[in-house]
Amino acid sequence: MRRLLFALPLLFAVPARAQGIKIGYVDVQRAVQEVEEGKQARSRLKAELDKKRADLDQKRANLEKMKTDYDKQAPVLSEDAKKKKQEELQKAYIEAQNDANQMQEELSGKEQEAMQTISKRLLQVVAEVSDRESFTFVLDKAALLYAPAASDVTNEVVRRYNERFGGGVAGKTPEKKTPEKKPAPAPKK
């Protein structure tokens, strides 16, 4: 009986305490995709990737031409000349492969650097929204199985991120814009 009397106040305390908890969530992946800075970073990286791919395609075409030339010349070449051409072909192939790997690593590093800056700023904005909206917890949507749409603060985070950081290049803070002054409305008669 004593245990029941002791446990009874605890049962009533838990719901009262749970009522003060406010939980929100942010779709971090979508937010990174939608902030202006993220769009610009992806655009920049895509342009760089396209340029490097064109360079690699040119090297690949040259490599194929070398192989075709070798195949045409092979029947009339001496063994030493064949061996030399094969070594050149192998060297060019390895070089092209190394260039492709280096390009992939370089672009991966640049993407990671840009996303790291955006993620750091995104956390700052989430903290501000959390404080302003009095959230006890703000979770990443990726970690949730279910949550009501009303708890989603992604749009607010994206809006505030763009207001605060604009579309500036990662690592650079844009200048603050001064709001335009609107003329006062004419008094009603």
Protein backbone atom coordinates (compact mmCIF):
# COMPACT_ATOMS: atom_id res chain seq x y z
CA MET A 1 0.00 0.00 0.00
CA ARG A 2 2.83 2.38 0.84
CA ARG A 3 4.41 1.71 -2.55
CA LEU A 4 1.17 2.65 -4.29
CA LEU A 5 0.90 5.89 -2.34
CA PHE A 6 4.54 6.67 -3.10
CA ALA A 7 4.17 5.91 -6.84
CA LEU A 8 0.92 7.87 -7.25
CA PRO A 9 2.53 11.35 -7.13
CA LEU A 10 5.15 10.19 -9.66
CA LEU A 11 2.45 9.15 -12.12
CA PHE A 12 0.86 12.58 -11.98
CA ALA A 13 4.21 14.38 -12.22
CA VAL A 14 5.26 12.77 -15.52
CA PRO A 15 2.33 14.07 -17.65
CA ALA A 16 2.67 17.54 -16.13
CA ARG A 17 6.33 17.59 -17.01
CA ALA A 18 5.77 16.18 -20.51
CA GLN A 19 3.36 19.01 -21.32
CA GLY A 20 6.26 21.50 -21.23
CA ILE A 21 8.19 19.65 -23.93
CA LYS A 22 7.94 21.01 -27.46
CA ILE A 23 9.60 19.03 -30.24
CA GLY A 24 10.23 20.15 -33.79
CA TYR A 25 12.10 18.69 -36.72
CA VAL A 26 14.07 19.87 -39.72
CA ASP A 27 14.58 18.00 -42.98
CA VAL A 28 18.28 18.85 -43.06
CA GLN A 29 18.87 17.30 -46.46
CA ARG A 30 16.05 19.33 -48.02
CA ALA A 31 17.19 22.49 -46.22
CA VAL A 32 20.73 22.16 -47.60
CA GLN A 33 19.25 21.68 -51.08
CA GLU A 34 16.94 24.71 -50.79
CA VAL A 35 19.13 27.39 -49.20
CA GLU A 36 20.52 29.78 -51.80
CA GLU A 37 24.09 29.13 -50.73
CA GLY A 38 23.57 25.38 -51.26
CA LYS A 39 22.09 25.96 -54.72
CA GLN A 40 25.06 28.13 -55.68
CA ALA A 41 27.56 25.61 -54.33
CA ARG A 42 25.93 22.78 -56.28
CA SER A 43 25.87 24.91 -59.43
CA ARG A 44 29.55 25.81 -59.03
CA LEU A 45 30.53 22.21 -58.40
CA LYS A 46 28.47 20.98 -61.36
CA ALA A 47 30.17 23.48 -63.69
CA GLU A 48 33.57 22.37 -62.44
CA LEU A 49 32.59 18.71 -62.80
CA ASP A 50 31.40 19.29 -66.37
CA LYS A 51 34.67 20.99 -67.29
CA LYS A 52 36.77 18.22 -65.78
CA ARG A 53 34.63 15.56 -67.42
CA ALA A 54 35.20 17.22 -70.79
CA ASP A 55 38.95 17.12 -70.14
CA LEU A 56 38.75 13.44 -69.19
CA ASP A 57 36.65 12.66 -72.26
CA GLN A 58 39.31 14.32 -74.41
CA LYS A 59 42.02 12.21 -72.76
CA ARG A 60 39.91 9.09 -73.23
CA ALA A 61 39.45 9.92 -76.93
CA ASN A 62 43.22 10.41 -77.29
CA LEU A 63 43.80 7.09 -75.56
CA GLU A 64 41.39 5.32 -77.91
CA LYS A 65 43.12 6.93 -80.92
CA MET A 66 46.50 5.73 -79.61
CA LYS A 67 45.09 2.21 -79.24
CA THR A 68 43.59 2.28 -82.75
CA ASP A 69 46.87 3.54 -84.21
CA TYR A 70 48.77 0.81 -82.38
CA ASP A 71 46.37 -1.88 -83.65
CA LYS A 72 46.88 -0.65 -87.24
CA GLN A 73 50.67 -0.46 -86.92
CA ALA A 74 51.25 -3.60 -84.85
CA PRO A 75 51.59 -6.09 -87.76
CA VAL A 76 54.45 -4.08 -89.35
CA LEU A 77 56.27 -3.05 -86.15
CA SER A 78 59.34 -4.79 -84.77
CA GLU A 79 59.10 -6.45 -81.36
CA ASP A 80 61.02 -3.56 -79.72
CA ALA A 81 58.73 -0.97 -81.33
CA LYS A 82 55.63 -2.96 -80.28
CA LYS A 83 56.91 -3.17 -76.72
CA LYS A 84 57.63 0.58 -76.66
CA LYS A 85 54.15 1.44 -78.02
CA GLN A 86 52.50 -0.90 -75.50
CA GLU A 87 54.41 0.78 -72.65
CA GLU A 88 53.33 4.22 -73.91
CA LEU A 89 49.75 3.02 -74.14
CA GLN A 90 49.87 1.54 -70.64
CA LYS A 91 51.44 4.73 -69.24
CA ALA A 92 48.74 6.89 -70.87
CA TYR A 93 46.01 4.59 -69.53
CA ILE A 94 47.39 4.76 -65.98
CA GLU A 95 47.73 8.53 -66.21
CA ALA A 96 44.10 8.89 -67.36
CA GLN A 97 42.95 6.66 -64.51
CA ASN A 98 44.97 8.67 -61.97
CA ASP A 99 43.53 11.93 -63.34
CA ALA A 100 39.99 10.58 -62.98
CA ASN A 101 40.65 9.48 -59.38
CA GLN A 102 42.28 12.81 -58.52
CA MET A 103 39.33 14.72 -60.01
CA GLN A 104 36.86 12.65 -57.98
CA GLU A 105 38.78 13.24 -54.74
CA GLU A 106 39.16 16.95 -55.43
CA LEU A 107 35.48 17.47 -56.18
CA SER A 108 34.49 15.37 -53.18
CA GLY A 109 36.68 17.52 -50.95
CA LYS A 110 35.23 20.74 -52.33
CA GLU A 111 31.68 19.47 -51.90
CA GLN A 112 32.41 18.37 -48.35
CA GLU A 113 33.97 21.75 -47.52
CA ALA A 114 30.99 23.67 -48.93
CA MET A 115 28.46 21.44 -47.16
CA GLN A 116 30.38 21.68 -43.89
CA THR A 117 30.15 25.48 -43.96
CA ILE A 118 26.46 25.35 -44.85
CA SER A 119 25.77 22.74 -42.15
CA LYS A 120 27.52 24.83 -39.50
CA ARG A 121 25.46 27.88 -40.44
CA LEU A 122 22.30 25.77 -40.62
CA LEU A 123 22.87 24.65 -37.02
CA GLN A 124 23.13 28.30 -35.95
CA VAL A 125 19.80 29.07 -37.63
CA VAL A 126 18.15 25.97 -36.13
CA ALA A 127 19.29 27.12 -32.68
CA GLU A 128 17.80 30.58 -33.30
CA VAL A 129 14.49 29.14 -34.51
CA SER A 130 14.48 26.73 -31.58
CA ASP A 131 14.97 29.56 -29.08
CA ARG A 132 12.41 31.79 -30.76
CA GLU A 133 9.76 29.07 -31.02
CA SER A 134 10.58 27.63 -27.55
CA PHE A 135 11.40 24.14 -28.79
CA THR A 136 12.84 21.79 -26.21
CA PHE A 137 14.24 19.55 -28.97
CA VAL A 138 14.74 19.92 -32.71
CA LEU A 139 15.52 16.68 -34.51
CA ASP A 140 16.66 15.77 -38.01
CA LYS A 141 13.76 14.34 -39.99
CA ALA A 142 16.02 11.49 -41.13
CA ALA A 143 16.00 10.18 -37.54
CA LEU A 144 12.19 10.17 -37.27
CA LEU A 145 9.75 7.44 -38.14
CA TYR A 146 6.74 9.71 -37.76
CA ALA A 147 6.08 13.31 -36.84
CA PRO A 148 3.15 15.63 -37.49
CA ALA A 149 3.66 18.17 -40.27
CA ALA A 150 2.94 20.96 -37.80
CA SER A 151 6.25 20.19 -36.07
CA ASP A 152 8.24 20.67 -39.32
CA VAL A 153 10.25 23.90 -39.15
CA THR A 154 12.30 23.30 -42.30
CA ASN A 155 10.69 26.12 -44.29
CA GLU A 156 11.30 28.58 -41.46
CA VAL A 157 14.93 27.48 -41.16
CA VAL A 158 15.49 27.87 -44.93
CA ARG A 159 13.82 31.30 -44.94
CA ARG A 160 15.87 32.55 -42.01
CA TYR A 161 19.08 31.06 -43.40
CA ASN A 162 18.58 32.91 -46.68
CA GLU A 163 17.75 36.13 -44.81
CA ARG A 164 20.83 35.86 -42.64
CA PHE A 165 23.40 34.45 -45.04
CA GLY A 166 21.82 35.20 -48.41
CA GLY A 167 23.26 33.52 -51.44
CA GLY A 168 26.86 34.36 -50.58
CA VAL A 169 29.72 32.04 -51.37
CA ALA A 170 30.41 29.53 -48.61
CA GLY A 171 32.83 31.08 -46.17
CA LYS A 172 31.91 34.66 -47.05
CA THR A 173 29.24 36.60 -45.22
CA PRO A 174 27.13 38.79 -47.49
CA GLU A 175 26.58 42.44 -46.77
CA LYS A 176 23.46 43.31 -44.82
CA LYS A 177 20.74 44.82 -46.94
CA THR A 178 19.03 47.93 -45.67
CA PRO A 179 15.27 47.74 -46.04
CA GLU A 180 13.68 50.25 -48.35
CA LYS A 181 11.54 52.84 -46.63
CA LYS A 182 7.95 52.86 -47.78
CA PRO A 183 6.00 56.11 -47.74
CA ALA A 184 3.52 56.40 -44.89
CA PRO A 185 -0.07 55.75 -45.94
CA ALA A 186 -2.20 58.82 -46.43
CA PRO A 187 -4.56 59.53 -43.50
CA LYS A 188 -8.18 58.60 -44.11
CA LYS A 189 -10.69 61.44 -44.24
